[in-house]
């Protein structure tokens, strides 16, 4: 009879930790699951302006976190979800007057 191998613990991704513990900003929970691009952008703006841990400007921090999420989610995003998040970038620029 073959020996049972111990189970490996589930893989943890560095990107999950980076999103949670990043010095860019403290995110509101579920920000990337919101349906509206405007709501996503507004949440990121609030978080960036309130964060004590960010290094750059609020705009830089908010945009970098959104881009980071888009890049890390990669092919796991549906086309509709990707469009929503890309529109959130435009909305974020509008909110910051850029």
N, C-alpha and C. Protein backbone atom coordinates (compact mmCIF):
# COMPACT_ATOMS: atom_id res chain seq x y z
N UNK A 1 0.84 -1.19 0.00
CA UNK A 1 0.00 0.00 0.00
C UNK A 1 0.89 1.26 0.00
N UNK A 2 0.57 2.22 -0.83
CA UNK A 2 1.36 3.44 -0.96
C UNK A 2 1.15 4.36 0.24
N UNK A 3 2.24 5.04 0.59
CA UNK A 3 2.15 5.98 1.70
C UNK A 3 1.43 7.25 1.26
N UNK A 4 0.66 7.82 2.18
CA UNK A 4 0.00 9.09 1.87
C UNK A 4 0.99 10.22 2.07
N UNK A 5 1.01 11.12 1.10
CA UNK A 5 1.87 12.28 1.22
C UNK A 5 1.13 13.38 1.98
N UNK A 6 1.85 14.15 2.80
CA UNK A 6 1.17 15.26 3.47
C UNK A 6 0.74 16.31 2.45
N UNK A 7 -0.39 16.90 2.70
CA UNK A 7 -0.89 17.94 1.79
C UNK A 7 -0.08 19.21 1.89
N UNK A 8 0.14 19.83 0.74
CA UNK A 8 0.81 21.12 0.74
C UNK A 8 -0.21 22.19 1.12
N UNK A 9 0.21 23.21 1.84
CA UNK A 9 -0.73 24.29 2.13
C UNK A 9 -1.05 25.04 0.83
N UNK A 10 -2.22 25.67 0.75
CA UNK A 10 -2.56 26.38 -0.48
C UNK A 10 -1.55 27.50 -0.76
N UNK A 11 -1.30 27.73 -2.04
CA UNK A 11 -0.33 28.76 -2.43
C UNK A 11 -0.84 30.14 -2.07
N UNK A 12 0.03 30.94 -1.56
CA UNK A 12 -0.30 32.34 -1.27
C UNK A 12 0.48 33.20 -2.26
N UNK A 13 -0.15 34.20 -2.79
CA UNK A 13 0.48 35.04 -3.79
C UNK A 13 1.02 36.32 -3.15
N UNK A 14 2.19 36.74 -3.58
CA UNK A 14 2.78 37.95 -3.05
C UNK A 14 1.90 39.16 -3.35
N UNK A 15 1.17 39.08 -4.45
CA UNK A 15 0.33 40.23 -4.83
C UNK A 15 -0.82 40.43 -3.83
N UNK A 16 -1.30 39.35 -3.24
CA UNK A 16 -2.36 39.48 -2.23
C UNK A 16 -1.82 40.25 -1.02
N UNK A 17 -0.61 39.89 -0.60
CA UNK A 17 0.00 40.58 0.53
C UNK A 17 0.30 42.03 0.18
N UNK A 18 0.76 42.27 -1.04
CA UNK A 18 1.09 43.63 -1.46
C UNK A 18 -0.15 44.51 -1.46
N UNK A 19 -1.28 43.98 -1.90
CA UNK A 19 -2.52 44.76 -1.90
C UNK A 19 -2.94 45.09 -0.48
N UNK A 20 -2.77 44.13 0.41
CA UNK A 20 -3.21 44.31 1.80
C UNK A 20 -2.26 45.20 2.60
N UNK A 21 -0.95 45.06 2.40
CA UNK A 21 0.03 45.71 3.25
C UNK A 21 0.84 46.79 2.56
N UNK A 22 0.45 47.16 1.38
CA UNK A 22 1.20 48.13 0.59
C UNK A 22 1.32 49.48 1.29
N UNK A 23 2.45 50.14 1.06
CA UNK A 23 2.61 51.50 1.56
C UNK A 23 1.97 52.52 0.64
N UNK A 24 1.42 52.06 -0.47
CA UNK A 24 0.79 52.99 -1.41
C UNK A 24 -0.44 53.62 -0.75
N UNK A 25 -1.32 52.80 -0.20
CA UNK A 25 -2.49 53.31 0.50
C UNK A 25 -3.27 52.20 1.19
N UNK A 26 -4.13 52.60 2.11
CA UNK A 26 -5.01 51.66 2.81
C UNK A 26 -6.34 51.63 2.07
N UNK A 27 -6.66 50.48 1.48
CA UNK A 27 -7.87 50.37 0.67
C UNK A 27 -9.11 50.09 1.50
N UNK A 28 -10.24 50.57 1.02
CA UNK A 28 -11.52 50.18 1.60
C UNK A 28 -11.81 48.75 1.14
N UNK A 29 -12.48 47.98 1.95
CA UNK A 29 -12.77 46.59 1.60
C UNK A 29 -13.64 46.47 0.35
N UNK A 30 -13.31 45.54 -0.51
CA UNK A 30 -14.11 45.25 -1.69
C UNK A 30 -14.12 46.32 -2.76
N UNK A 31 -13.14 47.20 -2.73
CA UNK A 31 -13.14 48.32 -3.69
C UNK A 31 -13.11 47.83 -5.14
N UNK A 32 -12.40 46.76 -5.42
CA UNK A 32 -12.28 46.30 -6.80
C UNK A 32 -13.45 45.44 -7.25
N UNK A 33 -14.40 45.20 -6.36
CA UNK A 33 -15.59 44.43 -6.73
C UNK A 33 -16.79 45.32 -6.97
N UNK A 34 -16.63 46.62 -6.76
CA UNK A 34 -17.73 47.55 -7.01
C UNK A 34 -18.09 47.55 -8.49
N UNK A 35 -19.35 47.79 -8.81
CA UNK A 35 -19.81 47.72 -10.20
C UNK A 35 -19.51 48.98 -11.01
N UNK A 36 -19.61 50.11 -10.37
CA UNK A 36 -19.49 51.38 -11.08
C UNK A 36 -18.04 51.88 -11.13
N UNK A 37 -17.56 52.28 -12.30
CA UNK A 37 -16.22 52.88 -12.39
C UNK A 37 -16.10 54.12 -11.51
N UNK A 38 -17.17 54.90 -11.44
CA UNK A 38 -17.15 56.11 -10.60
C UNK A 38 -17.01 55.75 -9.13
N UNK A 39 -17.68 54.69 -8.68
CA UNK A 39 -17.60 54.27 -7.27
C UNK A 39 -16.19 53.75 -6.95
N UNK A 40 -15.60 53.00 -7.88
CA UNK A 40 -14.24 52.50 -7.68
C UNK A 40 -13.27 53.67 -7.56
N UNK A 41 -13.37 54.61 -8.49
CA UNK A 41 -12.47 55.77 -8.50
C UNK A 41 -12.66 56.62 -7.24
N UNK A 42 -13.90 56.83 -6.84
CA UNK A 42 -14.16 57.64 -5.64
C UNK A 42 -13.59 56.97 -4.39
N UNK A 43 -13.72 55.66 -4.30
CA UNK A 43 -13.18 54.92 -3.17
C UNK A 43 -11.66 55.01 -3.13
N UNK A 44 -11.02 54.83 -4.29
CA UNK A 44 -9.57 54.94 -4.36
C UNK A 44 -9.10 56.36 -3.99
N UNK A 45 -9.84 57.35 -4.44
CA UNK A 45 -9.49 58.74 -4.13
C UNK A 45 -9.58 58.99 -2.63
N UNK A 46 -10.68 58.54 -2.01
CA UNK A 46 -10.84 58.69 -0.55
C UNK A 46 -9.70 58.01 0.20
N UNK A 47 -9.40 56.79 -0.23
CA UNK A 47 -8.34 56.03 0.43
C UNK A 47 -6.98 56.71 0.28
N UNK A 48 -6.70 57.19 -0.91
CA UNK A 48 -5.41 57.83 -1.17
C UNK A 48 -5.25 59.12 -0.38
N UNK A 49 -6.32 59.89 -0.29
CA UNK A 49 -6.24 61.16 0.43
C UNK A 49 -6.18 60.96 1.94
N UNK A 50 -6.75 59.88 2.43
CA UNK A 50 -6.78 59.62 3.87
C UNK A 50 -5.54 58.85 4.35
N UNK A 51 -4.85 58.17 3.44
CA UNK A 51 -3.75 57.30 3.84
C UNK A 51 -2.56 58.08 4.38
N UNK A 52 -2.04 57.59 5.49
CA UNK A 52 -0.83 58.17 6.07
C UNK A 52 0.42 57.44 5.56
N UNK A 53 0.22 56.31 4.90
CA UNK A 53 1.36 55.47 4.52
C UNK A 53 1.84 55.68 3.09
N UNK A 54 1.17 56.49 2.32
CA UNK A 54 1.57 56.61 0.92
C UNK A 54 2.85 57.42 0.79
N UNK A 55 3.56 57.15 -0.28
CA UNK A 55 4.83 57.83 -0.52
C UNK A 55 4.70 58.95 -1.54
N UNK A 56 3.88 58.75 -2.56
CA UNK A 56 3.72 59.75 -3.61
C UNK A 56 2.50 60.62 -3.35
N UNK A 57 2.02 61.25 -4.43
CA UNK A 57 0.81 62.06 -4.33
C UNK A 57 -0.40 61.13 -4.24
N UNK A 58 -1.54 61.65 -3.79
CA UNK A 58 -2.74 60.81 -3.75
C UNK A 58 -3.09 60.23 -5.13
N UNK A 59 -2.96 61.04 -6.18
CA UNK A 59 -3.26 60.55 -7.53
C UNK A 59 -2.34 59.39 -7.90
N UNK A 60 -1.05 59.54 -7.67
CA UNK A 60 -0.09 58.48 -8.00
C UNK A 60 -0.41 57.20 -7.26
N UNK A 61 -0.72 57.32 -5.98
CA UNK A 61 -1.01 56.13 -5.17
C UNK A 61 -2.27 55.43 -5.64
N UNK A 62 -3.33 56.19 -5.90
CA UNK A 62 -4.59 55.60 -6.34
C UNK A 62 -4.44 54.93 -7.70
N UNK A 63 -3.80 55.62 -8.64
CA UNK A 63 -3.64 55.06 -9.98
C UNK A 63 -2.73 53.84 -9.96
N UNK A 64 -1.68 53.88 -9.16
CA UNK A 64 -0.76 52.73 -9.12
C UNK A 64 -1.45 51.51 -8.52
N UNK A 65 -2.31 51.69 -7.54
CA UNK A 65 -3.00 50.55 -6.95
C UNK A 65 -4.00 49.96 -7.94
N UNK A 66 -4.68 50.80 -8.69
CA UNK A 66 -5.63 50.32 -9.70
C UNK A 66 -4.89 49.57 -10.82
N UNK A 67 -3.80 50.13 -11.29
CA UNK A 67 -3.00 49.49 -12.33
C UNK A 67 -2.41 48.18 -11.82
N UNK A 68 -1.93 48.18 -10.60
CA UNK A 68 -1.38 46.97 -9.98
C UNK A 68 -2.44 45.87 -9.97
N UNK A 69 -3.65 46.22 -9.55
CA UNK A 69 -4.72 45.22 -9.50
C UNK A 69 -5.03 44.69 -10.90
N UNK A 70 -5.14 45.58 -11.87
CA UNK A 70 -5.41 45.16 -13.25
C UNK A 70 -4.33 44.22 -13.77
N UNK A 71 -3.08 44.56 -13.52
CA UNK A 71 -1.98 43.74 -14.01
C UNK A 71 -1.92 42.38 -13.32
N UNK A 72 -2.19 42.35 -12.03
CA UNK A 72 -2.09 41.09 -11.30
C UNK A 72 -3.30 40.19 -11.54
N UNK A 73 -4.48 40.77 -11.75
CA UNK A 73 -5.67 39.95 -11.99
C UNK A 73 -5.56 39.29 -13.37
N UNK A 74 -4.93 40.00 -14.30
CA UNK A 74 -4.60 39.45 -15.61
C UNK A 74 -5.73 38.75 -16.33
N UNK A 75 -5.47 37.53 -16.74
CA UNK A 75 -6.43 36.81 -17.56
C UNK A 75 -7.61 36.27 -16.77
N UNK A 76 -7.60 36.43 -15.46
CA UNK A 76 -8.73 35.98 -14.66
C UNK A 76 -9.91 36.95 -14.68
N UNK A 77 -9.70 38.12 -15.26
CA UNK A 77 -10.78 39.10 -15.36
C UNK A 77 -11.62 38.84 -16.61
N UNK A 78 -12.91 39.00 -16.46
CA UNK A 78 -13.77 38.92 -17.64
C UNK A 78 -13.58 40.20 -18.44
N UNK A 79 -13.87 40.17 -19.73
CA UNK A 79 -13.73 41.39 -20.53
C UNK A 79 -14.58 42.55 -19.98
N UNK A 80 -15.76 42.25 -19.48
CA UNK A 80 -16.63 43.30 -18.93
C UNK A 80 -16.00 43.91 -17.68
N UNK A 81 -15.41 43.08 -16.84
CA UNK A 81 -14.79 43.56 -15.61
C UNK A 81 -13.57 44.41 -15.93
N UNK A 82 -12.78 43.97 -16.91
CA UNK A 82 -11.60 44.73 -17.33
C UNK A 82 -12.01 46.11 -17.85
N UNK A 83 -13.09 46.15 -18.66
CA UNK A 83 -13.58 47.44 -19.17
C UNK A 83 -13.99 48.37 -18.02
N UNK A 84 -14.68 47.81 -17.03
CA UNK A 84 -15.10 48.61 -15.88
C UNK A 84 -13.88 49.20 -15.17
N UNK A 85 -12.86 48.39 -14.95
CA UNK A 85 -11.67 48.86 -14.25
C UNK A 85 -10.87 49.86 -15.10
N UNK A 86 -10.85 49.66 -16.40
CA UNK A 86 -10.18 50.62 -17.28
C UNK A 86 -10.92 51.96 -17.27
N UNK A 87 -12.24 51.89 -17.23
CA UNK A 87 -13.04 53.13 -17.14
C UNK A 87 -12.82 53.82 -15.80
N UNK A 88 -12.56 53.03 -14.77
CA UNK A 88 -12.27 53.61 -13.46
C UNK A 88 -11.00 54.45 -13.50
N UNK A 89 -10.04 54.07 -14.36
CA UNK A 89 -8.83 54.88 -14.53
C UNK A 89 -9.19 56.27 -15.07
N UNK A 90 -10.03 56.28 -16.10
CA UNK A 90 -10.46 57.57 -16.68
C UNK A 90 -11.21 58.40 -15.64
N UNK A 91 -12.05 57.74 -14.88
CA UNK A 91 -12.83 58.43 -13.85
C UNK A 91 -11.91 58.98 -12.76
N UNK A 92 -10.88 58.24 -12.42
CA UNK A 92 -9.91 58.68 -11.42
C UNK A 92 -9.17 59.93 -11.91
N UNK A 93 -8.79 59.92 -13.17
CA UNK A 93 -8.15 61.12 -13.74
C UNK A 93 -9.09 62.31 -13.67
N UNK A 94 -10.37 62.09 -13.98
CA UNK A 94 -11.35 63.18 -13.94
C UNK A 94 -11.51 63.70 -12.51
N UNK A 95 -11.59 62.80 -11.54
CA UNK A 95 -11.76 63.22 -10.15
C UNK A 95 -10.60 64.04 -9.63
N UNK A 96 -9.40 63.72 -10.12
CA UNK A 96 -8.21 64.46 -9.69
C UNK A 96 -7.92 65.65 -10.61
N UNK A 97 -8.78 65.88 -11.59
CA UNK A 97 -8.61 67.04 -12.48
C UNK A 97 -7.44 66.90 -13.43
N UNK A 98 -7.20 65.72 -13.93
CA UNK A 98 -6.08 65.49 -14.86
C UNK A 98 -6.56 65.03 -16.20
